[in-house]
């Protein structure tokens, strides 16, 4: 159910013990969430979503009916987004410019 939980936890540098304390469950329970042998209640899902600043839909890997699957992100893309968010505004502008240039080049070929 929580296919993205371990990925999110690791991307933030949390141990299972740290995250379990943050959401008020045992480390063993969190481990069960991560290996999909136990499902959290809605309050726990909300806590996790708030901690990671994602939607509950993302946590449970819910695909909305009719949603274009081409917008699902890979693990590599997720980590790039995390790195991008940590950049200063001027660095983001530079990255945006590079992406625009590369996209335009690709469109011409």
PDB file of N, CA and C in Angstrom:
ATOM      1  N   UNK A   1       0.815  -1.202   0.000  1.00  0.00           N
ATOM      2  CA  UNK A   1       0.000   0.000   0.000  1.00  0.00           C
ATOM      3  C   UNK A   1       0.858   1.265   0.000  1.00  0.00           C
ATOM      4  N   UNK A   2       1.846   1.333   0.883  1.00  0.00           N
ATOM      5  CA  UNK A   2       2.678   2.535   0.991  1.00  0.00           C
ATOM      6  C   UNK A   2       3.986   2.356   0.218  1.00  0.00           C
ATOM      7  N   UNK A   3       3.869   2.159  -1.075  1.00  0.00           N
ATOM      8  CA  UNK A   3       5.038   1.891  -1.908  1.00  0.00           C
ATOM      9  C   UNK A   3       6.071   3.010  -1.839  1.00  0.00           C
ATOM     10  N   UNK A   4       5.633   4.229  -1.580  1.00  0.00           N
ATOM     11  CA  UNK A   4       6.537   5.378  -1.593  1.00  0.00           C
ATOM     12  C   UNK A   4       7.103   5.738  -0.217  1.00  0.00           C
ATOM     13  N   UNK A   5       6.652   5.091   0.829  1.00  0.00           N
ATOM     14  CA  UNK A   5       7.044   5.489   2.179  1.00  0.00           C
ATOM     15  C   UNK A   5       8.540   5.328   2.435  1.00  0.00           C
ATOM     16  N   UNK A   6       9.097   4.198   2.104  1.00  0.00           N
ATOM     17  CA  UNK A   6      10.521   3.963   2.348  1.00  0.00           C
ATOM     18  C   UNK A   6      11.363   4.957   1.540  1.00  0.00           C
ATOM     19  N   UNK A   7      10.978   5.189   0.306  1.00  0.00           N
ATOM     20  CA  UNK A   7      11.669   6.148  -0.551  1.00  0.00           C
ATOM     21  C   UNK A   7      11.634   7.548   0.062  1.00  0.00           C
ATOM     22  N   UNK A   8      10.482   7.960   0.532  1.00  0.00           N
ATOM     23  CA  UNK A   8      10.346   9.272   1.167  1.00  0.00           C
ATOM     24  C   UNK A   8      11.185   9.362   2.434  1.00  0.00           C
ATOM     25  N   UNK A   9      11.110   8.331   3.246  1.00  0.00           N
ATOM     26  CA  UNK A   9      11.860   8.330   4.509  1.00  0.00           C
ATOM     27  C   UNK A   9      13.356   8.464   4.249  1.00  0.00           C
ATOM     28  N   UNK A  10      13.857   7.682   3.321  1.00  0.00           N
ATOM     29  CA  UNK A  10      15.286   7.711   3.019  1.00  0.00           C
ATOM     30  C   UNK A  10      15.699   9.045   2.391  1.00  0.00           C
ATOM     31  N   UNK A  11      14.823   9.618   1.567  1.00  0.00           N
ATOM     32  CA  UNK A  11      15.165  10.889   0.917  1.00  0.00           C
ATOM     33  C   UNK A  11      15.315  12.018   1.932  1.00  0.00           C
ATOM     34  N   UNK A  12      14.631  11.898   3.058  1.00  0.00           N
ATOM     35  CA  UNK A  12      14.732  12.905   4.123  1.00  0.00           C
ATOM     36  C   UNK A  12      15.793  12.548   5.155  1.00  0.00           C
ATOM     37  N   UNK A  13      16.379  11.365   5.017  1.00  0.00           N
ATOM     38  CA  UNK A  13      17.439  10.949   5.933  1.00  0.00           C
ATOM     39  C   UNK A  13      16.947  10.469   7.288  1.00  0.00           C
ATOM     40  N   UNK A  14      15.667  10.101   7.375  1.00  0.00           N
ATOM     41  CA  UNK A  14      15.121   9.602   8.634  1.00  0.00           C
ATOM     42  C   UNK A  14      15.382   8.110   8.773  1.00  0.00           C
ATOM     43  N   UNK A  15      15.671   7.684   9.981  1.00  0.00           N
ATOM     44  CA  UNK A  15      15.704   6.254  10.267  1.00  0.00           C
ATOM     45  C   UNK A  15      14.269   5.805  10.546  1.00  0.00           C
ATOM     46  N   UNK A  16      14.059   4.502  10.552  1.00  0.00           N
ATOM     47  CA  UNK A  16      12.729   4.004  10.908  1.00  0.00           C
ATOM     48  C   UNK A  16      12.372   4.433  12.323  1.00  0.00           C
ATOM     49  N   UNK A  17      13.352   4.402  13.214  1.00  0.00           N
ATOM     50  CA  UNK A  17      13.095   4.782  14.608  1.00  0.00           C
ATOM     51  C   UNK A  17      12.660   6.249  14.696  1.00  0.00           C
ATOM     52  N   UNK A  18      13.364   7.130  13.992  1.00  0.00           N
ATOM     53  CA  UNK A  18      13.013   8.553  14.035  1.00  0.00           C
ATOM     54  C   UNK A  18      11.607   8.794  13.508  1.00  0.00           C
ATOM     55  N   UNK A  19      11.311   8.217  12.345  1.00  0.00           N
ATOM     56  CA  UNK A  19       9.997   8.445  11.755  1.00  0.00           C
ATOM     57  C   UNK A  19       8.894   7.824  12.593  1.00  0.00           C
ATOM     58  N   UNK A  20       9.136   6.653  13.139  1.00  0.00           N
ATOM     59  CA  UNK A  20       8.108   6.011  13.959  1.00  0.00           C
ATOM     60  C   UNK A  20       7.778   6.874  15.173  1.00  0.00           C
ATOM     61  N   UNK A  21       8.797   7.504  15.765  1.00  0.00           N
ATOM     62  CA  UNK A  21       8.556   8.399  16.899  1.00  0.00           C
ATOM     63  C   UNK A  21       7.774   9.640  16.466  1.00  0.00           C
ATOM     64  N   UNK A  22       8.054  10.135  15.271  1.00  0.00           N
ATOM     65  CA  UNK A  22       7.364  11.329  14.775  1.00  0.00           C
ATOM     66  C   UNK A  22       5.867  11.091  14.572  1.00  0.00           C
ATOM     67  N   UNK A  23       5.519   9.866  14.173  1.00  0.00           N
ATOM     68  CA  UNK A  23       4.102   9.584  13.893  1.00  0.00           C
ATOM     69  C   UNK A  23       3.417   8.817  15.024  1.00  0.00           C
ATOM     70  N   UNK A  24       4.194   8.484  16.059  1.00  0.00           N
ATOM     71  CA  UNK A  24       3.599   7.858  17.235  1.00  0.00           C
ATOM     72  C   UNK A  24       3.265   6.389  17.103  1.00  0.00           C
ATOM     73  N   UNK A  25       4.110   5.651  16.373  1.00  0.00           N
ATOM     74  CA  UNK A  25       3.933   4.199  16.277  1.00  0.00           C
ATOM     75  C   UNK A  25       5.275   3.546  16.604  1.00  0.00           C
ATOM     76  N   UNK A  26       5.270   2.237  16.800  1.00  0.00           N
ATOM     77  CA  UNK A  26       6.522   1.535  17.060  1.00  0.00           C
ATOM     78  C   UNK A  26       7.318   1.398  15.761  1.00  0.00           C
ATOM     79  N   UNK A  27       8.604   1.152  15.935  1.00  0.00           N
ATOM     80  CA  UNK A  27       9.455   0.952  14.766  1.00  0.00           C
ATOM     81  C   UNK A  27       8.993  -0.285  13.988  1.00  0.00           C
ATOM     82  N   UNK A  28       8.548  -1.302  14.695  1.00  0.00           N
ATOM     83  CA  UNK A  28       8.072  -2.521  14.048  1.00  0.00           C
ATOM     84  C   UNK A  28       6.834  -2.246  13.198  1.00  0.00           C
ATOM     85  N   UNK A  29       5.962  -1.365  13.709  1.00  0.00           N
ATOM     86  CA  UNK A  29       4.763  -1.018  12.946  1.00  0.00           C
ATOM     87  C   UNK A  29       5.145  -0.274  11.672  1.00  0.00           C
ATOM     88  N   UNK A  30       6.073   0.662  11.791  1.00  0.00           N
ATOM     89  CA  UNK A  30       6.529   1.393  10.606  1.00  0.00           C
ATOM     90  C   UNK A  30       7.138   0.432   9.591  1.00  0.00           C
ATOM     91  N   UNK A  31       7.912  -0.522  10.083  1.00  0.00           N
ATOM     92  CA  UNK A  31       8.513  -1.515   9.192  1.00  0.00           C
ATOM     93  C   UNK A  31       7.417  -2.283   8.443  1.00  0.00           C
ATOM     94  N   UNK A  32       6.339  -2.600   9.129  1.00  0.00           N
ATOM     95  CA  UNK A  32       5.215  -3.295   8.493  1.00  0.00           C
ATOM     96  C   UNK A  32       4.541  -2.403   7.454  1.00  0.00           C
ATOM     97  N   UNK A  33       4.455  -1.101   7.719  1.00  0.00           N
ATOM     98  CA  UNK A  33       3.918  -0.176   6.716  1.00  0.00           C
ATOM     99  C   UNK A  33       4.780  -0.206   5.462  1.00  0.00           C
ATOM    100  N   UNK A  34       6.105  -0.177   5.674  1.00  0.00           N
ATOM    101  CA  UNK A  34       7.024  -0.131   4.540  1.00  0.00           C
ATOM    102  C   UNK A  34       7.022  -1.411   3.717  1.00  0.00           C
ATOM    103  N   UNK A  35       6.792  -2.551   4.342  1.00  0.00           N
ATOM    104  CA  UNK A  35       6.778  -3.795   3.564  1.00  0.00           C
ATOM    105  C   UNK A  35       5.356  -4.246   3.225  1.00  0.00           C
ATOM    106  N   UNK A  36       4.399  -3.361   3.447  1.00  0.00           N
ATOM    107  CA  UNK A  36       2.993  -3.569   3.065  1.00  0.00           C
ATOM    108  C   UNK A  36       2.315  -4.744   3.751  1.00  0.00           C
ATOM    109  N   UNK A  37       2.790  -5.110   4.940  1.00  0.00           N
ATOM    110  CA  UNK A  37       2.108  -6.180   5.667  1.00  0.00           C
ATOM    111  C   UNK A  37       1.102  -5.621   6.679  1.00  0.00           C
ATOM    112  N   UNK A  38       1.047  -4.290   6.798  1.00  0.00           N
ATOM    113  CA  UNK A  38       0.111  -3.629   7.701  1.00  0.00           C
ATOM    114  C   UNK A  38      -0.238  -2.263   7.109  1.00  0.00           C
ATOM    115  N   UNK A  39      -1.482  -1.848   7.247  1.00  0.00           N
ATOM    116  CA  UNK A  39      -1.907  -0.561   6.699  1.00  0.00           C
ATOM    117  C   UNK A  39      -2.184   0.429   7.827  1.00  0.00           C
ATOM    118  N   UNK A  40      -1.693   1.659   7.678  1.00  0.00           N
ATOM    119  CA  UNK A  40      -1.936   2.676   8.702  1.00  0.00           C
ATOM    120  C   UNK A  40      -3.366   3.199   8.657  1.00  0.00           C
ATOM    121  N   UNK A  41      -3.815   3.748   9.784  1.00  0.00           N
ATOM    122  CA  UNK A  41      -5.132   4.377   9.797  1.00  0.00           C
ATOM    123  C   UNK A  41      -5.027   5.759   9.130  1.00  0.00           C
ATOM    124  N   UNK A  42      -6.157   6.382   8.915  1.00  0.00           N
ATOM    125  CA  UNK A  42      -6.193   7.655   8.193  1.00  0.00           C
ATOM    126  C   UNK A  42      -5.431   8.764   8.924  1.00  0.00           C
ATOM    127  N   UNK A  43      -5.493   8.786  10.248  1.00  0.00           N
ATOM    128  CA  UNK A  43      -4.758   9.810  10.996  1.00  0.00           C
ATOM    129  C   UNK A  43      -3.251   9.666  10.798  1.00  0.00           C
ATOM    130  N   UNK A  44      -2.769   8.443  10.773  1.00  0.00           N
ATOM    131  CA  UNK A  44      -1.341   8.201  10.538  1.00  0.00           C
ATOM    132  C   UNK A  44      -0.969   8.596   9.115  1.00  0.00           C
ATOM    133  N   UNK A  45      -1.837   8.280   8.160  1.00  0.00           N
ATOM    134  CA  UNK A  45      -1.585   8.692   6.773  1.00  0.00           C
ATOM    135  C   UNK A  45      -1.475  10.215   6.667  1.00  0.00           C
ATOM    136  N   UNK A  46      -2.344  10.916   7.369  1.00  0.00           N
ATOM    137  CA  UNK A  46      -2.306  12.380   7.336  1.00  0.00           C
ATOM    138  C   UNK A  46      -1.003  12.905   7.940  1.00  0.00           C
ATOM    139  N   UNK A  47      -0.567  12.297   9.049  1.00  0.00           N
ATOM    140  CA  UNK A  47       0.701  12.707   9.667  1.00  0.00           C
ATOM    141  C   UNK A  47       1.862  12.508   8.694  1.00  0.00           C
ATOM    142  N   UNK A  48       1.888  11.352   8.049  1.00  0.00           N
ATOM    143  CA  UNK A  48       2.947  11.070   7.086  1.00  0.00           C
ATOM    144  C   UNK A  48       2.916  12.057   5.923  1.00  0.00           C
ATOM    145  N   UNK A  49       1.736  12.332   5.421  1.00  0.00           N
ATOM    146  CA  UNK A  49       1.599  13.277   4.308  1.00  0.00           C
ATOM    147  C   UNK A  49       2.102  14.659   4.721  1.00  0.00           C
ATOM    148  N   UNK A  50       1.791  15.071   5.937  1.00  0.00           N
ATOM    149  CA  UNK A  50       2.252  16.377   6.425  1.00  0.00           C
ATOM    150  C   UNK A  50       3.768  16.409   6.587  1.00  0.00           C
ATOM    151  N   UNK A  51       4.330  15.350   7.122  1.00  0.00           N
ATOM    152  CA  UNK A  51       5.784  15.286   7.330  1.00  0.00           C
ATOM    153  C   UNK A  51       6.526  15.395   6.002  1.00  0.00           C
ATOM    154  N   UNK A  52       6.035  14.674   4.998  1.00  0.00           N
ATOM    155  CA  UNK A  52       6.733  14.632   3.719  1.00  0.00           C
ATOM    156  C   UNK A  52       6.217  15.641   2.692  1.00  0.00           C
ATOM    157  N   UNK A  53       5.183  16.374   3.089  1.00  0.00           N
ATOM    158  CA  UNK A  53       4.604  17.393   2.208  1.00  0.00           C
ATOM    159  C   UNK A  53       4.158  16.795   0.871  1.00  0.00           C
ATOM    160  N   UNK A  54       3.435  15.681   0.983  1.00  0.00           N
ATOM    161  CA  UNK A  54       2.866  15.003  -0.183  1.00  0.00           C
ATOM    162  C   UNK A  54       1.393  14.719   0.112  1.00  0.00           C
ATOM    163  N   UNK A  55       0.669  14.301  -0.878  1.00  0.00           N
ATOM    164  CA  UNK A  55      -0.737  13.948  -0.670  1.00  0.00           C
ATOM    165  C   UNK A  55      -0.845  12.518  -0.143  1.00  0.00           C
ATOM    166  N   UNK A  56      -1.963  12.239   0.483  1.00  0.00           N
ATOM    167  CA  UNK A  56      -2.241  10.870   0.919  1.00  0.00           C
ATOM    168  C   UNK A  56      -2.309   9.971  -0.313  1.00  0.00           C
ATOM    169  N   UNK A  57      -2.859  10.485  -1.419  1.00  0.00           N
ATOM    170  CA  UNK A  57      -2.910   9.715  -2.670  1.00  0.00           C
ATOM    171  C   UNK A  57      -1.510   9.272  -3.093  1.00  0.00           C
ATOM    172  N   UNK A  58      -0.540  10.169  -2.968  1.00  0.00           N
ATOM    173  CA  UNK A  58       0.828   9.812  -3.337  1.00  0.00           C
ATOM    174  C   UNK A  58       1.353   8.714  -2.411  1.00  0.00           C
ATOM    175  N   UNK A  59       1.105   8.859  -1.119  1.00  0.00           N
ATOM    176  CA  UNK A  59       1.576   7.859  -0.162  1.00  0.00           C
ATOM    177  C   UNK A  59       1.044   6.467  -0.467  1.00  0.00           C
ATOM    178  N   UNK A  60      -0.223   6.391  -0.797  1.00  0.00           N
ATOM    179  CA  UNK A  60      -0.822   5.081  -1.033  1.00  0.00           C
ATOM    180  C   UNK A  60      -0.756   4.678  -2.501  1.00  0.00           C
ATOM    181  N   UNK A  61      -0.083   5.497  -3.313  1.00  0.00           N
ATOM    182  CA  UNK A  61       0.102   5.224  -4.733  1.00  0.00           C
ATOM    183  C   UNK A  61      -1.234   5.078  -5.454  1.00  0.00           C
ATOM    184  N   UNK A  62      -2.161   5.958  -5.093  1.00  0.00           N
ATOM    185  CA  UNK A  62      -3.484   5.953  -5.710  1.00  0.00           C
ATOM    186  C   UNK A  62      -3.429   6.659  -7.052  1.00  0.00           C
ATOM    187  N   UNK A  63      -3.906   6.012  -8.073  1.00  0.00           N
ATOM    188  CA  UNK A  63      -3.958   6.611  -9.403  1.00  0.00           C
ATOM    189  C   UNK A  63      -5.403   7.011  -9.672  1.00  0.00           C
ATOM    190  N   UNK A  64      -5.613   8.302  -9.799  1.00  0.00           N
ATOM    191  CA  UNK A  64      -6.967   8.800 -10.055  1.00  0.00           C
ATOM    192  C   UNK A  64      -7.466   8.275 -11.391  1.00  0.00           C
ATOM    193  N   UNK A  65      -8.754   7.956 -11.444  1.00  0.00           N
ATOM    194  CA  UNK A  65      -9.373   7.454 -12.659  1.00  0.00           C
ATOM    195  C   UNK A  65      -9.189   8.457 -13.790  1.00  0.00           C
ATOM    196  N   UNK A  66      -8.663   8.010 -14.893  1.00  0.00           N
ATOM    197  CA  UNK A  66      -8.481   8.882 -16.046  1.00  0.00           C
ATOM    198  C   UNK A  66      -7.199   9.706 -15.997  1.00  0.00           C
ATOM    199  N   UNK A  67      -6.430   9.582 -14.938  1.00  0.00           N
ATOM    200  CA  UNK A  67      -5.199  10.358 -14.815  1.00  0.00           C
ATOM    201  C   UNK A  67      -4.150   9.797 -15.762  1.00  0.00           C
ATOM    202  N   UNK A  68      -3.439  10.676 -16.431  1.00  0.00           N
ATOM    203  CA  UNK A  68      -2.417  10.287 -17.395  1.00  0.00           C
ATOM    204  C   UNK A  68      -1.221   9.668 -16.675  1.00  0.00           C
ATOM    205  N   UNK A  69      -0.911   8.395 -16.915  1.00  0.00           N
ATOM    206  CA  UNK A  69       0.199   7.742 -16.212  1.00  0.00           C
ATOM    207  C   UNK A  69       1.574   8.288 -16.596  1.00  0.00           C
ATOM    208  N   UNK A  70       1.655   9.073 -17.660  1.00  0.00           N
ATOM    209  CA  UNK A  70       2.956   9.622 -18.063  1.00  0.00           C
ATOM    210  C   UNK A  70       3.457  10.641 -17.055  1.00  0.00           C
ATOM    211  N   UNK A  71       2.608  11.075 -16.131  1.00  0.00           N
ATOM    212  CA  UNK A  71       3.038  12.038 -15.126  1.00  0.00           C
ATOM    213  C   UNK A  71       3.500  11.383 -13.832  1.00  0.00           C
ATOM    214  N   UNK A  72       3.512  10.080 -13.779  1.00  0.00           N
ATOM    215  CA  UNK A  72       4.071   9.389 -12.623  1.00  0.00           C
ATOM    216  C   UNK A  72       5.584   9.596 -12.649  1.00  0.00           C
ATOM    217  N   UNK A  73       6.196   9.771 -11.489  1.00  0.00           N
ATOM    218  CA  UNK A  73       7.635  10.036 -11.485  1.00  0.00           C
ATOM    219  C   UNK A  73       8.424   8.823 -11.011  1.00  0.00           C
ATOM    220  N   UNK A  74       9.601   8.690 -11.578  1.00  0.00           N
ATOM    221  CA  UNK A  74      10.488   7.603 -11.203  1.00  0.00           C
ATOM    222  C   UNK A  74      11.241   7.984  -9.928  1.00  0.00           C
ATOM    223  N   UNK A  75      11.957   7.014  -9.374  1.00  0.00           N
ATOM    224  CA  UNK A  75      12.765   7.275  -8.181  1.00  0.00           C
ATOM    225  C   UNK A  75      13.834   8.329  -8.492  1.00  0.00           C
ATOM    226  N   UNK A  76      14.448   8.228  -9.664  1.00  0.00           N
ATOM    227  CA  UNK A  76      15.476   9.201 -10.074  1.00  0.00           C
ATOM    228  C   UNK A  76      14.891  10.614 -10.159  1.00  0.00           C
ATOM    229  N   UNK A  77      13.699  10.731 -10.749  1.00  0.00           N
ATOM    230  CA  UNK A  77      13.052  12.040 -10.862  1.00  0.00           C
ATOM    231  C   UNK A  77      12.697  12.592  -9.487  1.00  0.00           C
ATOM    232  N   UNK A  78      12.254  11.726  -8.600  1.00  0.00           N
ATOM    233  CA  UNK A  78      11.913  12.149  -7.251  1.00  0.00           C
ATOM    234  C   UNK A  78      13.123  12.773  -6.563  1.00  0.00           C
ATOM    235  N   UNK A  79      14.273  12.109  -6.667  1.00  0.00           N
ATOM    236  CA  UNK A  79      15.483  12.630  -6.027  1.00  0.00           C
ATOM    237  C   UNK A  79      15.941  13.939  -6.669  1.00  0.00           C
ATOM    238  N   UNK A  80      15.762  14.075  -7.985  1.00  0.00           N
ATOM    239  CA  UNK A  80      16.105  15.337  -8.650  1.00  0.00           C
ATOM    240  C   UNK A  80      15.214  16.475  -8.145  1.00  0.00           C
ATOM    241  N   UNK A  81      13.953  16.189  -7.954  1.00  0.00           N
ATOM    242  CA  UNK A  81      13.028  17.201  -7.429  1.00  0.00           C
ATOM    243  C   UNK A  81      13.448  17.622  -6.024  1.00  0.00           C
ATOM    244  N   UNK A  82      13.807  16.655  -5.203  1.00  0.00           N
ATOM    245  CA  UNK A  82      14.261  16.973  -3.845  1.00  0.00           C
ATOM    246  C   UNK A  82      15.496  17.869  -3.875  1.00  0.00           C
ATOM    247  N   UNK A  83      16.443  17.570  -4.757  1.00  0.00           N
ATOM    248  CA  UNK A  83      17.648  18.398  -4.879  1.00  0.00           C
ATOM    249  C   UNK A  83      17.288  19.798  -5.376  1.00  0.00           C
ATOM    250  N   UNK A  84      16.407  19.875  -6.355  1.00  0.00           N
ATOM    251  CA  UNK A  84      15.984  21.159  -6.921  1.00  0.00           C
ATOM    252  C   UNK A  84      15.353  22.041  -5.844  1.00  0.00           C
ATOM    253  N   UNK A  85      14.539  21.466  -5.015  1.00  0.00           N
ATOM    254  CA  UNK A  85      13.858  22.230  -3.961  1.00  0.00           C
ATOM    255  C   UNK A  85      14.824  22.845  -2.962  1.00  0.00           C
ATOM    256  N   UNK A  86      16.006  22.257  -2.828  1.00  0.00           N
ATOM    257  CA  UNK A  86      16.993  22.760  -1.879  1.00  0.00           C
ATOM    258  C   UNK A  86      17.844  23.900  -2.449  1.00  0.00           C
ATOM    259  N   UNK A  87      17.738  24.134  -3.757  1.00  0.00           N
ATOM    260  CA  UNK A  87      18.541  25.179  -4.398  1.00  0.00           C
ATOM    261  C   UNK A  87      18.026  26.571  -4.076  1.00  0.00           C
ATOM    262  N   UNK A  88      18.924  27.546  -4.168  1.00  0.00           N
ATOM    263  CA  UNK A  88      18.520  28.950  -4.040  1.00  0.00           C
ATOM    264  C   UNK A  88      17.826  29.373  -5.326  1.00  0.00           C
ATOM    265  N   UNK A  89      17.078  30.458  -5.249  1.00  0.00           N
ATOM    266  CA  UNK A  89      16.273  30.933  -6.375  1.00  0.00           C
ATOM    267  C   UNK A  89      17.120  31.139  -7.646  1.00  0.00           C
ATOM    268  N   UNK A  90      18.307  31.745  -7.505  1.00  0.00           N
ATOM    269  CA  UNK A  90      19.143  32.003  -8.680  1.00  0.00           C
ATOM    270  C   UNK A  90      19.602  30.701  -9.341  1.00  0.00           C
ATOM    271  N   UNK A  91      19.895  29.709  -8.535  1.00  0.00           N
ATOM    272  CA  UNK A  91      20.294  28.410  -9.081  1.00  0.00           C
ATOM    273  C   UNK A  91      19.126  27.738  -9.794  1.00  0.00           C
ATOM    274  N   UNK A  92      17.929  27.873  -9.230  1.00  0.00           N
ATOM    275  CA  UNK A  92      16.742  27.305  -9.879  1.00  0.00           C
ATOM    276  C   UNK A  92      16.521  27.947 -11.236  1.00  0.00           C
ATOM    277  N   UNK A  93      16.732  29.266 -11.321  1.00  0.00           N
ATOM    278  CA  UNK A  93      16.563  29.960 -12.601  1.00  0.00           C
ATOM    279  C   UNK A  93      17.530  29.417 -13.641  1.00  0.00           C
ATOM    280  N   UNK A  94      18.776  29.159 -13.220  1.00  0.00           N
ATOM    281  CA  UNK A  94      19.767  28.591 -14.134  1.00  0.00           C
ATOM    282  C   UNK A  94      19.363  27.216 -14.629  1.00  0.00           C
ATOM    283  N   UNK A  95      18.877  26.390 -13.717  1.00  0.00           N
ATOM    284  CA  UNK A  95      18.422  25.042 -14.076  1.00  0.00           C
ATOM    285  C   UNK A  95      17.234  25.130 -15.024  1.00  0.00           C
ATOM    286  N   UNK A  96      16.293  26.029 -14.736  1.00  0.00           N
ATOM    287  CA  UNK A  96      15.123  26.213 -15.599  1.00  0.00           C
ATOM    288  C   UNK A  96      15.552  26.587 -17.016  1.00  0.00           C
ATOM    289  N   UNK A  97      16.545  27.474 -17.108  1.00  0.00           N
ATOM    290  CA  UNK A  97      17.048  27.916 -18.414  1.00  0.00           C
ATOM    291  C   UNK A  97      17.661  26.743 -19.180  1.00  0.00           C
ATOM    292  N   UNK A  98      18.469  25.943 -18.500  1.00  0.00           N
ATOM    293  CA  UNK A  98      19.098  24.789 -19.140  1.00  0.00           C
ATOM    294  C   UNK A  98      18.041  23.804 -19.641  1.00  0.00           C
ATOM    295  N   UNK A  99      17.044  23.531 -18.815  1.00  0.00           N
ATOM    296  CA  UNK A  99      15.975  22.597 -19.208  1.00  0.00           C
ATOM    297  C   UNK A  99      15.222  23.132 -20.421  1.00  0.00           C
ATOM    298  N   UNK A 100      14.935  24.428 -20.420  1.00  0.00           N
ATOM    299  CA  UNK A 100      14.231  25.039 -21.556  1.00  0.00           C
ATOM    300  C   UNK A 100      15.054  24.890 -22.834  1.00  0.00           C
ATOM    301  N   UNK A 101      16.345  25.188 -22.738  1.00  0.00           N
ATOM    302  CA  UNK A 101      17.225  25.074 -23.906  1.00  0.00           C
ATOM    303  C   UNK A 101      17.278  23.633 -24.423  1.00  0.00           C
ATOM    304  N   UNK A 102      17.426  22.683 -23.533  1.00  0.00           N
ATOM    305  CA  UNK A 102      17.483  21.278 -23.938  1.00  0.00           C
ATOM    306  C   UNK A 102      16.161  20.812 -24.540  1.00  0.00           C
ATOM    307  N   UNK A 103      15.057  21.269 -23.981  1.00  0.00           N
ATOM    308  CA  UNK A 103      13.733  20.890 -24.501  1.00  0.00           C
ATOM    309  C   UNK A 103      13.518  21.438 -25.898  1.00  0.00           C
ATOM    310  N   UNK A 104      13.949  22.689 -26.109  1.00  0.00           N
ATOM    311  CA  UNK A 104      13.794  23.298 -27.442  1.00  0.00           C
ATOM    312  C   UNK A 104      14.666  22.587 -28.466  1.00  0.00           C
ATOM    313  N   UNK A 105      15.874  22.207 -28.054  1.00  0.00           N
ATOM    314  CA  UNK A 105      16.771  21.479 -28.936  1.00  0.00           C
ATOM    315  C   UNK A 105      16.181  20.140 -29.350  1.00  0.00           C
ATOM    316  N   UNK A 106      15.585  19.446 -28.375  1.00  0.00           N
ATOM    317  CA  UNK A 106      14.993  18.142 -28.636  1.00  0.00           C
ATOM    318  C   UNK A 106      13.824  18.276 -29.611  1.00  0.00           C
ATOM    319  N   UNK A 107      13.044  19.358 -29.469  1.00  0.00           N
ATOM    320  CA  UNK A 107      11.899  19.582 -30.341  1.00  0.00           C
ATOM    321  C   UNK A 107      12.291  19.823 -31.791  1.00  0.00           C
ATOM    322  N   UNK A 108      13.510  20.346 -32.003  1.00  0.00           N
ATOM    323  CA  UNK A 108      13.984  20.628 -33.365  1.00  0.00           C
ATOM    324  C   UNK A 108      14.580  19.412 -34.053  1.00  0.00           C
ATOM    325  N   UNK A 109      14.937  18.407 -33.275  1.00  0.00           N
ATOM    326  CA  UNK A 109      15.599  17.241 -33.903  1.00  0.00           C
ATOM    327  C   UNK A 109      14.624  16.184 -34.336  1.00  0.00           C
TER     328      UNK A 109
END
